[in-house]
Amino acid sequence: MKIIELINDWLWTYLMVGLLLATALYFTIRTRGVQFSMIPEMIRLLLESGKSHDDKRIHEKPSHTISSFQAFTLSLASRVGTGNIAGVAIAIALGGPGAVFWMWVVAFIGSANAFIESTLAQLFKVKGHNSFRGGPAYYIQKGIGKRWWSWTFAILITLTFGLAFNTVQANTITVAFENAFGIPALWVGVITTVLTLAVICGGVQRISKVNQVIVPIMAVLYILLALYVIAVNITSFPAVIKMIVTNAFGFEQAMGGTFGMAMILGVKRGLFSNEAGEGSTPNAAATAAVSHPVKQGLIQTLGVYTDTLLVCTSTAFIILCSGVFDCGLTGIELTQYALETQVGKAATWFVAIAVYLFATTSIIANYYYGETNLNFIHRSNRIIYPFRVIVGAMVMVGTLSTLEFVWAISDITMGLMTLCNIAALLVLGKYALRLLADYRRQLKDGKDPVYYSSTIPEIAGETECWQYEETKQPLRHVQNRTRL
């Protein structure tokens, strides 16, 4: 643990926080604040994402596709998990209320990274057996041409999501159920493992169908519970907001060293939760059938707001309004105790069930991220089937491990994976910026934006899922022209 903590401190203190915020600020400026200026367009696209006309504009389409909304909920399932409930509690317990402010900063500024990476994932996606596939490994290989780089990311995300993050989810489920119902960890692990394997063996279609039902319902119920806590404590709510801001910038916190702790923990837990720039959600974004890559980029940007500004903030207000954030508890136990003081013992049961559903959907979404990257390395069921067994085994490991160990391991793998992806965004971001300019131009002309690979001819041969031009010129002509 001492070695792991040393690596974590160096990685996050001296590298990750500054790099993430600097990259996000750069893309915010270059996109003219796309994450703010196009919020109405994001909402419009999400509401219309079930329409089938987008599917017909794709040049190469798999036998089965998932809708833009299903891709959104697939990524949201990974985002909305233990990081929203246990991770926020850890950040507040260790870094103070000021950590919440830095979570908001990561969401507002970091969502520019989310837009860039998800747009690139759509641009460079490939046709899979049953659905589209894509993500950083794919756009690094096709856009940069560095196989060692793409393989490095594919391995890191498989280790991070398929293995490390799933131990965190499983561990939080165990603690929540032991605290609420007294159920032994072993039984919780067995049930979770069996349910996980039952869903992931059904492929991305089953995963997306499960997530599009469970995630929105549980998120709404959890937010409503937080609103109730705020309403009960409405007279002290202004003081809570003041406490968050003053602890984020206060002189006493800076002198005591907790200012830096609040920032680091806020960014770290914020990134774990909303995954903006991390390189995970592009794997989900690539699966959707849309008429323009920017459409899914905008929808995935909205997912960052949904995760941090709604669900994470709900947890923060539950804990801070209850006034028990410094009681000595941490993680999911702190959230459960805070709700118990406001609503009663039944709230502890609700949190346990909510965590179970949030974490279970996260586990199966995390598995998909690992699967799609293993398919990138070598497409064979001889790899996928053992991977499913290993994922199930890691769920069991997580239920029996300590809280500190599983979170520390996850932070290291998450940091390394994010470094790999951020470097790729800085190289390939120019294509996402050109796509955004094309999208805005078509909107200005009153059109429903459609992308053709001839818009960026120098990479047309690497974007085979898109028609070369409106006359539906065959892809082989694109490849010949690219070679010439």
Protein backbone atom coordinates (compact mmCIF):
# COMPACT_ATOMS: atom_id res chain seq x y z
CA MET A 1 0.00 0.00 0.00
CA LYS A 2 2.87 2.41 0.70
CA ILE A 3 4.29 1.84 -2.79
CA ILE A 4 0.86 2.24 -4.39
CA GLU A 5 0.19 5.45 -2.44
CA LEU A 6 3.59 6.86 -3.44
CA ILE A 7 2.90 6.24 -7.14
CA ASN A 8 -0.60 7.73 -6.77
CA ASP A 9 0.66 10.87 -5.08
CA TRP A 10 3.27 11.54 -7.75
CA LEU A 11 0.95 10.75 -10.66
CA TRP A 12 -1.92 12.94 -9.51
CA THR A 13 -0.12 15.72 -7.63
CA TYR A 14 2.50 16.54 -10.25
CA LEU A 15 0.95 15.45 -13.53
CA MET A 16 -2.72 14.56 -13.89
CA VAL A 17 -4.51 17.55 -12.33
CA GLY A 18 -2.62 20.17 -14.34
CA LEU A 19 -2.69 18.21 -17.59
CA LEU A 20 -6.42 17.48 -17.44
CA LEU A 21 -7.43 21.05 -16.67
CA ALA A 22 -4.99 22.57 -19.21
CA THR A 23 -6.21 20.27 -22.01
CA ALA A 24 -9.84 20.92 -21.15
CA LEU A 25 -9.27 24.68 -21.11
CA TYR A 26 -7.49 24.47 -24.49
CA PHE A 27 -10.39 22.62 -26.13
CA THR A 28 -12.92 24.91 -24.46
CA ILE A 29 -11.26 27.87 -26.16
CA ARG A 30 -10.78 26.13 -29.53
CA THR A 31 -14.42 24.95 -29.68
CA ARG A 32 -15.70 28.36 -28.52
CA GLY A 33 -17.20 26.76 -25.44
CA VAL A 34 -19.13 24.03 -27.22
CA GLN A 35 -20.10 22.49 -23.87
CA PHE A 36 -21.94 25.69 -22.95
CA SER A 37 -23.09 27.23 -26.23
CA MET A 38 -24.69 24.08 -27.64
CA ILE A 39 -26.59 22.77 -24.62
CA PRO A 40 -29.97 23.35 -26.36
CA GLU A 41 -28.73 21.32 -29.33
CA MET A 42 -27.60 18.53 -26.99
CA ILE A 43 -31.05 18.31 -25.45
CA ARG A 44 -32.74 18.38 -28.87
CA LEU A 45 -30.53 15.56 -30.15
CA LEU A 46 -31.16 13.43 -27.07
CA LEU A 47 -34.93 13.85 -27.38
CA GLU A 48 -34.81 12.92 -31.07
CA SER A 49 -32.22 10.15 -30.73
CA GLY A 50 -34.80 7.39 -31.17
CA LYS A 51 -35.58 8.35 -34.75
CA SER A 52 -34.42 5.78 -37.29
CA HIS A 53 -33.57 8.14 -40.17
CA ASP A 54 -30.02 8.52 -38.89
CA ASP A 55 -29.34 4.82 -39.44
CA LYS A 56 -30.05 5.09 -43.17
CA ARG A 57 -27.27 7.60 -43.73
CA ILE A 58 -24.47 5.32 -42.66
CA HIS A 59 -22.46 3.84 -45.53
CA GLU A 60 -21.46 0.62 -43.76
CA LYS A 61 -23.89 -0.63 -41.11
CA PRO A 62 -23.73 -3.81 -38.97
CA SER A 63 -26.60 -6.27 -38.84
CA HIS A 64 -27.68 -4.83 -35.48
CA THR A 65 -27.25 -1.24 -34.34
CA ILE A 66 -28.10 0.58 -31.16
CA SER A 67 -29.69 4.00 -30.97
CA SER A 68 -27.97 7.18 -29.94
CA PHE A 69 -29.94 7.12 -26.67
CA GLN A 70 -28.87 3.53 -25.95
CA ALA A 71 -25.24 4.50 -26.49
CA PHE A 72 -25.82 7.43 -24.14
CA THR A 73 -27.24 5.17 -21.40
CA LEU A 74 -24.45 2.63 -21.97
CA SER A 75 -21.85 5.30 -21.19
CA LEU A 76 -24.02 6.73 -18.40
CA ALA A 77 -24.19 3.28 -16.81
CA SER A 78 -20.41 3.31 -16.48
CA ARG A 79 -20.40 6.92 -15.27
CA VAL A 80 -23.24 6.60 -12.75
CA GLY A 81 -21.92 4.10 -10.27
CA THR A 82 -20.08 3.98 -6.97
CA GLY A 83 -18.09 7.08 -7.89
CA ASN A 84 -21.27 9.13 -7.57
CA ILE A 85 -22.18 7.83 -4.14
CA ALA A 86 -19.08 6.36 -2.46
CA GLY A 87 -16.45 8.34 -4.40
CA VAL A 88 -18.01 11.71 -3.58
CA ALA A 89 -18.24 10.72 0.07
CA ILE A 90 -14.53 9.78 0.11
CA ALA A 91 -13.57 13.11 -1.48
CA ILE A 92 -15.60 15.11 1.09
CA ALA A 93 -14.37 13.04 4.05
CA LEU A 94 -10.69 13.40 3.09
CA GLY A 95 -10.58 16.68 1.18
CA GLY A 96 -13.39 18.61 2.83
CA PRO A 97 -16.43 20.29 1.24
CA GLY A 98 -14.16 22.19 -1.17
CA ALA A 99 -13.61 18.97 -3.14
CA VAL A 100 -17.19 19.34 -4.45
CA PHE A 101 -16.28 22.63 -6.12
CA TRP A 102 -13.43 21.01 -8.03
CA MET A 103 -15.75 18.22 -9.15
CA TRP A 104 -17.91 20.92 -10.70
CA VAL A 105 -14.87 22.45 -12.40
CA VAL A 106 -13.93 19.08 -13.90
CA ALA A 107 -17.49 18.69 -15.20
CA PHE A 108 -17.84 22.17 -16.74
CA ILE A 109 -14.37 22.45 -18.24
CA GLY A 110 -13.59 18.76 -18.70
CA SER A 111 -16.72 18.18 -20.76
CA ALA A 112 -14.83 19.76 -23.68
CA ASN A 113 -12.51 16.74 -23.55
CA ALA A 114 -15.58 14.48 -23.55
CA PHE A 115 -16.88 16.15 -26.70
CA ILE A 116 -13.58 15.78 -28.56
CA GLU A 117 -13.01 12.12 -27.67
CA SER A 118 -16.57 10.98 -28.43
CA THR A 119 -16.63 12.83 -31.77
CA LEU A 120 -13.35 11.18 -32.76
CA ALA A 121 -14.72 7.79 -31.75
CA GLN A 122 -17.65 8.25 -34.14
CA LEU A 123 -15.39 9.49 -36.94
CA PHE A 124 -13.02 6.51 -36.82
CA LYS A 125 -15.48 3.77 -35.78
CA VAL A 126 -15.47 0.39 -37.53
CA LYS A 127 -18.12 -2.14 -38.40
CA GLY A 128 -18.20 -4.96 -35.87
CA HIS A 129 -19.99 -8.29 -36.09
CA ASN A 130 -23.19 -7.12 -34.38
CA SER A 131 -22.58 -3.42 -33.81
CA PHE A 132 -20.21 -0.55 -34.46
CA ARG A 133 -17.01 -0.51 -32.45
CA GLY A 134 -14.59 2.28 -31.69
CA GLY A 135 -12.76 4.27 -29.07
CA PRO A 136 -9.28 5.64 -28.39
CA ALA A 137 -7.48 2.44 -29.45
CA TYR A 138 -9.24 2.65 -32.81
CA TYR A 139 -8.73 6.36 -33.44
CA ILE A 140 -5.11 6.19 -32.33
CA GLN A 141 -4.44 3.36 -34.78
CA LYS A 142 -6.40 4.85 -37.69
CA GLY A 143 -5.69 8.53 -37.10
CA ILE A 144 -2.09 8.43 -35.85
CA GLY A 145 -0.95 5.05 -37.16
CA LYS A 146 0.99 4.07 -34.01
CA ARG A 147 0.08 0.50 -33.18
CA TRP A 148 2.18 0.39 -30.00
CA TRP A 149 0.25 3.42 -28.74
CA SER A 150 -3.16 1.96 -29.55
CA TRP A 151 -2.23 -1.39 -28.00
CA THR A 152 -1.00 0.34 -24.85
CA PHE A 153 -4.33 2.10 -24.43
CA ALA A 154 -6.30 -1.07 -25.21
CA ILE A 155 -4.41 -2.97 -22.52
CA LEU A 156 -4.72 -0.16 -19.96
CA ILE A 157 -8.48 0.28 -20.40
CA THR A 158 -9.02 -3.46 -20.20
CA LEU A 159 -7.09 -3.59 -16.92
CA THR A 160 -8.77 -0.43 -15.59
CA PHE A 161 -12.41 -1.09 -16.43
CA GLY A 162 -12.58 -4.83 -16.87
CA LEU A 163 -10.62 -5.55 -13.71
CA ALA A 164 -9.68 -2.65 -11.38
CA PHE A 165 -12.89 -0.58 -11.54
CA ASN A 166 -15.04 -3.67 -11.15
CA THR A 167 -13.36 -4.45 -7.85
CA VAL A 168 -14.36 -0.95 -6.67
CA GLN A 169 -17.97 -1.45 -7.71
CA ALA A 170 -18.16 -4.88 -6.08
CA ASN A 171 -16.49 -3.66 -2.89
CA THR A 172 -18.96 -0.79 -2.52
CA ILE A 173 -21.91 -3.14 -3.05
CA THR A 174 -20.60 -5.41 -0.31
CA VAL A 175 -20.08 -2.62 2.23
CA ALA A 176 -23.52 -1.16 1.50
CA PHE A 177 -25.33 -4.49 1.93
CA GLU A 178 -23.41 -5.46 5.04
CA ASN A 179 -24.21 -2.08 6.58
CA ALA A 180 -27.91 -2.17 5.59
CA PHE A 181 -28.89 -5.83 5.82
CA GLY A 182 -25.98 -7.63 7.48
CA ILE A 183 -25.54 -9.94 4.47
CA PRO A 184 -22.08 -11.60 4.41
CA ALA A 185 -19.67 -10.43 1.72
CA LEU A 186 -19.32 -13.90 0.21
CA TRP A 187 -23.03 -14.19 -0.61
CA VAL A 188 -23.15 -10.67 -2.03
CA GLY A 189 -20.18 -11.51 -4.24
CA VAL A 190 -21.71 -14.76 -5.51
CA ILE A 191 -25.03 -13.12 -6.44
CA THR A 192 -23.34 -10.15 -8.12
CA THR A 193 -21.00 -12.39 -10.08
CA VAL A 194 -23.79 -14.63 -11.37
CA LEU A 195 -25.95 -11.68 -12.48
CA THR A 196 -22.96 -10.01 -14.14
CA LEU A 197 -22.08 -13.09 -16.18
CA ALA A 198 -25.73 -13.58 -17.19
CA VAL A 199 -25.90 -10.10 -18.71
CA ILE A 200 -22.46 -9.75 -20.30
CA CYS A 201 -22.82 -13.03 -22.16
CA GLY A 202 -25.69 -11.44 -24.12
CA GLY A 203 -23.49 -8.87 -25.88
CA VAL A 204 -23.82 -5.10 -26.29
CA GLN A 205 -27.50 -5.27 -27.27
CA ARG A 206 -28.48 -6.94 -23.98
CA ILE A 207 -26.19 -4.61 -22.04
CA SER A 208 -27.70 -1.49 -23.63
CA LYS A 209 -31.27 -2.71 -23.13
CA VAL A 210 -30.70 -3.41 -19.43
CA ASN A 211 -28.97 -0.08 -18.89
CA GLN A 212 -31.52 2.09 -20.70
CA VAL A 213 -34.19 0.91 -18.24
CA ILE A 214 -32.35 0.75 -14.91
CA VAL A 215 -30.04 3.77 -15.09
CA PRO A 216 -32.59 6.56 -15.75
CA ILE A 217 -35.10 5.24 -13.18
CA MET A 218 -32.59 4.88 -10.36
CA ALA A 219 -30.94 8.22 -11.16
CA VAL A 220 -34.27 10.04 -11.00
CA LEU A 221 -35.24 8.38 -7.70
CA TYR A 222 -31.87 9.22 -6.15
CA ILE A 223 -32.07 12.86 -7.28
CA LEU A 224 -35.61 13.14 -5.85
CA LEU A 225 -34.35 11.83 -2.51
CA ALA A 226 -31.60 14.46 -2.52
CA LEU A 227 -34.13 17.19 -3.30
CA TYR A 228 -36.16 16.06 -0.29
CA VAL A 229 -33.09 16.36 1.97
CA ILE A 230 -32.39 19.84 0.59
CA ALA A 231 -36.02 20.89 1.12
CA VAL A 232 -35.95 19.70 4.73
CA ASN A 233 -32.74 21.69 5.33
CA ILE A 234 -33.56 24.64 3.05
CA THR A 235 -32.71 27.25 5.72
CA SER A 236 -29.13 25.94 5.98
CA PHE A 237 -28.67 25.39 2.22
CA PRO A 238 -27.05 28.81 1.56
CA ALA A 239 -24.51 28.03 4.28
CA VAL A 240 -23.72 24.73 2.55
CA ILE A 241 -22.98 26.51 -0.75
CA LYS A 242 -20.81 29.05 1.08
CA MET A 243 -18.93 26.24 2.84
CA ILE A 244 -18.18 24.54 -0.51
CA VAL A 245 -16.78 27.72 -2.05
CA THR A 246 -14.82 28.93 0.98
CA ASN A 247 -13.28 25.51 1.51
CA ALA A 248 -12.23 25.41 -2.16
CA PHE A 249 -10.39 28.78 -1.96
CA GLY A 250 -10.20 29.60 1.74
CA PHE A 251 -7.00 30.96 3.31
CA GLU A 252 -7.17 28.55 6.24
CA GLN A 253 -7.40 25.57 3.90
CA ALA A 254 -4.41 26.80 1.88
CA MET A 255 -2.31 27.28 5.02
CA GLY A 256 -3.28 23.88 6.35
CA GLY A 257 -2.58 22.05 3.11
CA THR A 258 -6.16 20.88 2.66
CA PHE A 259 -6.64 23.29 -0.27
CA GLY A 260 -4.41 21.09 -2.43
CA MET A 261 -6.04 17.96 -1.03
CA ALA A 262 -9.50 19.29 -1.94
CA MET A 263 -8.40 20.05 -5.50
CA ILE A 264 -6.65 16.71 -6.07
CA LEU A 265 -9.45 14.63 -4.58
CA GLY A 266 -12.11 16.67 -6.36
CA VAL A 267 -10.44 16.21 -9.74
CA LYS A 268 -9.61 12.55 -9.08
CA ARG A 269 -13.07 11.54 -7.89
CA GLY A 270 -14.69 13.78 -10.50
CA LEU A 271 -12.75 12.07 -13.28
CA PHE A 272 -13.55 8.63 -11.86
CA SER A 273 -17.22 9.53 -11.93
CA ASN A 274 -17.78 11.49 -15.18
CA GLU A 275 -14.83 9.98 -17.14
CA ALA A 276 -14.35 13.17 -19.21
CA GLY A 277 -11.10 12.77 -21.16
CA GLU A 278 -10.41 9.39 -19.64
CA GLY A 279 -11.00 7.50 -22.90
CA SER A 280 -13.77 5.18 -21.71
CA THR A 281 -17.02 6.76 -22.94
CA PRO A 282 -15.79 6.96 -26.57
CA ASN A 283 -16.11 3.17 -26.65
CA ALA A 284 -19.84 3.58 -26.01
CA ALA A 285 -20.18 6.67 -28.22
CA ALA A 286 -18.85 4.76 -31.24
CA THR A 287 -21.63 2.16 -31.08
CA ALA A 288 -24.43 4.58 -32.08
CA ALA A 289 -25.74 5.01 -35.62
CA VAL A 290 -25.92 8.76 -36.28
CA SER A 291 -25.71 10.94 -39.40
CA HIS A 292 -22.84 13.12 -38.13
CA PRO A 293 -20.07 12.36 -35.58
CA VAL A 294 -20.69 15.63 -33.74
CA LYS A 295 -24.21 14.49 -32.83
CA GLN A 296 -22.95 11.77 -30.54
CA GLY A 297 -20.15 14.01 -29.28
CA LEU A 298 -22.76 16.50 -28.08
CA ILE A 299 -24.95 13.82 -26.51
CA GLN A 300 -22.00 12.33 -24.62
CA THR A 301 -21.08 15.82 -23.39
CA LEU A 302 -24.53 16.04 -21.86
CA GLY A 303 -23.74 12.81 -20.04
CA VAL A 304 -20.96 14.56 -18.10
CA TYR A 305 -23.46 17.10 -16.79
CA THR A 306 -25.97 14.38 -15.93
CA ASP A 307 -23.37 12.48 -13.96
CA THR A 308 -21.61 15.23 -12.01
CA LEU A 309 -24.03 18.14 -11.79
CA LEU A 310 -27.03 15.95 -10.95
CA VAL A 311 -26.04 12.63 -9.35
CA CYS A 312 -22.68 13.56 -7.76
CA THR A 313 -24.05 16.87 -6.54
CA SER A 314 -27.03 15.05 -5.05
CA THR A 315 -24.68 12.95 -2.93
CA ALA A 316 -22.68 16.01 -1.91
CA PHE A 317 -25.78 17.93 -0.77
CA ILE A 318 -27.13 14.89 1.10
CA ILE A 319 -23.89 14.64 3.10
CA LEU A 320 -23.32 18.37 3.65
CA CYS A 321 -26.92 19.26 4.45
CA SER A 322 -27.01 16.51 7.06
CA GLY A 323 -23.93 18.03 8.76
CA VAL A 324 -22.19 14.68 9.35
CA PHE A 325 -19.36 14.94 6.78
CA ASP A 326 -16.71 15.04 9.55
CA CYS A 327 -18.12 12.19 11.65
CA GLY A 328 -15.21 9.84 10.91
CA LEU A 329 -16.98 7.65 8.35
CA THR A 330 -16.05 7.52 4.68
CA GLY A 331 -17.23 5.96 1.43
CA ILE A 332 -20.68 4.47 1.09
CA GLU A 333 -21.08 4.24 4.88
CA LEU A 334 -20.92 8.04 5.14
CA THR A 335 -23.66 8.47 2.51
CA GLN A 336 -25.86 5.88 4.19
CA TYR A 337 -25.40 7.45 7.61
CA ALA A 338 -26.15 10.94 6.26
CA LEU A 339 -29.41 9.75 4.72
CA GLU A 340 -30.34 7.79 7.83
CA THR A 341 -30.11 10.96 9.91
CA GLN A 342 -32.49 12.72 7.51
CA VAL A 343 -34.96 10.05 6.43
CA GLY A 344 -34.56 7.13 8.79
CA LYS A 345 -33.27 3.57 8.61
CA ALA A 346 -35.21 2.87 5.41
CA ALA A 347 -32.92 5.31 3.59
CA THR A 348 -29.96 3.04 4.35
CA TRP A 349 -31.79 0.21 2.61
CA PHE A 350 -32.61 2.43 -0.37
CA VAL A 351 -28.97 3.49 -0.77
CA ALA A 352 -27.87 -0.16 -0.63
CA ILE A 353 -30.33 -1.10 -3.39
CA ALA A 354 -29.46 2.00 -5.44
CA VAL A 355 -25.75 1.25 -5.13
CA TYR A 356 -26.35 -2.35 -6.14
CA LEU A 357 -28.19 -1.34 -9.32
CA PHE A 358 -25.82 1.52 -10.16
CA ALA A 359 -22.75 -0.62 -9.53
CA THR A 360 -24.11 -3.65 -11.39
CA THR A 361 -24.85 -1.61 -14.51
CA SER A 362 -21.39 -0.06 -14.19
CA ILE A 363 -19.79 -3.49 -14.01
CA ILE A 364 -21.45 -4.71 -17.18
CA ALA A 365 -20.69 -1.45 -19.02
CA ASN A 366 -17.09 -1.67 -17.81
CA TYR A 367 -16.94 -5.20 -19.16
CA TYR A 368 -18.04 -3.97 -22.59
CA TYR A 369 -15.19 -1.44 -22.65
CA GLY A 370 -12.75 -4.25 -21.97
CA GLU A 371 -14.33 -6.53 -24.58
CA THR A 372 -14.28 -3.97 -27.38
CA ASN A 373 -10.59 -3.27 -26.75
CA LEU A 374 -9.69 -6.94 -26.59
CA ASN A 375 -11.41 -7.31 -29.95
CA PHE A 376 -9.17 -4.53 -31.21
CA ILE A 377 -6.06 -6.43 -30.15
CA HIS A 378 -7.21 -9.81 -31.43
CA ARG A 379 -10.72 -10.66 -32.49
CA SER A 380 -11.39 -14.14 -31.18
CA ASN A 381 -13.78 -15.78 -28.73
CA ARG A 382 -10.76 -17.60 -27.36
CA ILE A 383 -9.90 -14.29 -25.67
CA ILE A 384 -13.41 -13.02 -24.90
CA TYR A 385 -14.71 -16.10 -23.07
CA PRO A 386 -11.76 -16.29 -20.62
CA PHE A 387 -12.06 -12.52 -20.13
CA ARG A 388 -15.68 -12.93 -19.02
CA VAL A 389 -14.60 -15.48 -16.45
CA ILE A 390 -11.82 -13.17 -15.21
CA VAL A 391 -14.28 -10.28 -14.89
CA GLY A 392 -16.52 -12.48 -12.76
CA ALA A 393 -13.53 -13.48 -10.65
CA MET A 394 -12.51 -9.84 -10.11
CA VAL A 395 -16.03 -9.05 -8.92
CA MET A 396 -15.53 -11.71 -6.26
CA VAL A 397 -12.08 -10.33 -5.41
CA GLY A 398 -13.54 -6.86 -4.97
CA THR A 399 -16.14 -8.06 -2.47
CA LEU A 400 -13.42 -9.49 -0.25
CA SER A 401 -10.78 -6.71 -0.57
CA THR A 402 -10.28 -3.56 1.50
CA LEU A 403 -11.71 -0.20 0.46
CA GLU A 404 -8.31 1.52 0.40
CA PHE A 405 -6.66 -1.11 -1.77
CA VAL A 406 -9.26 -1.27 -4.56
CA TRP A 407 -9.53 2.53 -4.85
CA ALA A 408 -5.74 3.01 -4.87
CA ILE A 409 -5.20 0.46 -7.65
CA SER A 410 -8.01 1.99 -9.69
CA ASP A 411 -6.54 5.48 -9.38
CA ILE A 412 -3.19 4.34 -10.81
CA THR A 413 -4.61 2.50 -13.81
CA MET A 414 -7.11 5.33 -14.44
CA GLY A 415 -4.31 7.91 -14.42
CA LEU A 416 -2.11 6.00 -16.86
CA MET A 417 -5.03 5.35 -19.22
CA THR A 418 -6.03 9.02 -19.15
CA LEU A 419 -2.48 10.14 -19.97
CA CYS A 420 -2.48 7.88 -23.00
CA ASN A 421 -5.82 9.25 -24.23
CA ILE A 422 -5.14 12.94 -23.56
CA ALA A 423 -1.98 12.76 -25.66
CA ALA A 424 -4.04 11.29 -28.53
CA LEU A 425 -6.67 14.05 -28.19
CA LEU A 426 -4.00 16.72 -28.53
CA VAL A 427 -2.79 15.11 -31.76
CA LEU A 428 -6.19 14.30 -33.32
CA GLY A 429 -8.30 17.09 -31.87
CA LYS A 430 -7.93 19.10 -35.10
CA TYR A 431 -10.28 16.66 -36.86
CA ALA A 432 -12.97 17.05 -34.20
CA LEU A 433 -12.67 20.83 -34.55
CA ARG A 434 -13.19 20.58 -38.32
CA LEU A 435 -16.20 18.35 -37.78
CA LEU A 436 -17.67 20.87 -35.34
CA ALA A 437 -17.19 23.69 -37.88
CA ASP A 438 -18.92 21.57 -40.55
CA TYR A 439 -21.78 20.78 -38.17
CA ARG A 440 -22.30 24.42 -37.22
CA ARG A 441 -22.23 25.46 -40.90
CA GLN A 442 -24.95 22.95 -41.79
CA LEU A 443 -27.06 24.03 -38.83
CA LYS A 444 -26.70 27.65 -39.91
CA ASP A 445 -27.93 26.66 -43.39
CA GLY A 446 -31.04 25.12 -41.83
CA LYS A 447 -30.00 21.52 -42.55
CA ASP A 448 -30.03 18.38 -40.44
CA PRO A 449 -26.24 17.85 -40.42
CA VAL A 450 -24.89 14.87 -42.37
CA TYR A 451 -21.21 13.97 -42.56
CA TYR A 452 -19.44 12.63 -45.65
CA SER A 453 -15.85 11.45 -45.46
CA SER A 454 -14.92 13.72 -48.37
CA THR A 455 -15.20 16.61 -45.88
CA ILE A 456 -11.79 15.57 -44.50
CA PRO A 457 -10.26 13.87 -47.59
CA GLU A 458 -6.83 13.20 -46.09
CA ILE A 459 -8.31 10.59 -43.71
CA ALA A 460 -11.22 9.43 -45.89
CA GLY A 461 -9.68 5.99 -46.29
CA GLU A 462 -9.68 5.52 -42.52
CA THR A 463 -13.35 6.45 -42.03
CA GLU A 464 -14.95 3.56 -43.86
CA CYS A 465 -18.26 3.72 -41.99
CA TRP A 466 -19.15 7.01 -43.67
CA GLN A 467 -20.20 7.63 -47.29
CA TYR A 468 -17.54 9.39 -49.31
CA GLU A 469 -20.04 11.76 -50.89
CA GLU A 470 -23.77 12.16 -51.34
CA THR A 471 -23.79 10.03 -54.50
CA LYS A 472 -22.81 7.06 -52.30
CA GLN A 473 -19.50 6.53 -54.07
CA PRO A 474 -18.14 3.06 -53.18
CA LEU A 475 -15.50 2.93 -50.48
CA ARG A 476 -12.88 1.38 -52.76
CA HIS A 477 -12.78 4.69 -54.71
CA VAL A 478 -12.02 6.47 -51.46
CA GLN A 479 -9.15 4.13 -50.71
CA ASN A 480 -7.69 4.47 -54.22
CA ARG A 481 -7.93 8.25 -54.06
CA THR A 482 -6.27 8.28 -50.64
CA ARG A 483 -3.36 6.22 -51.93
CA LEU A 484 -2.93 8.52 -54.91
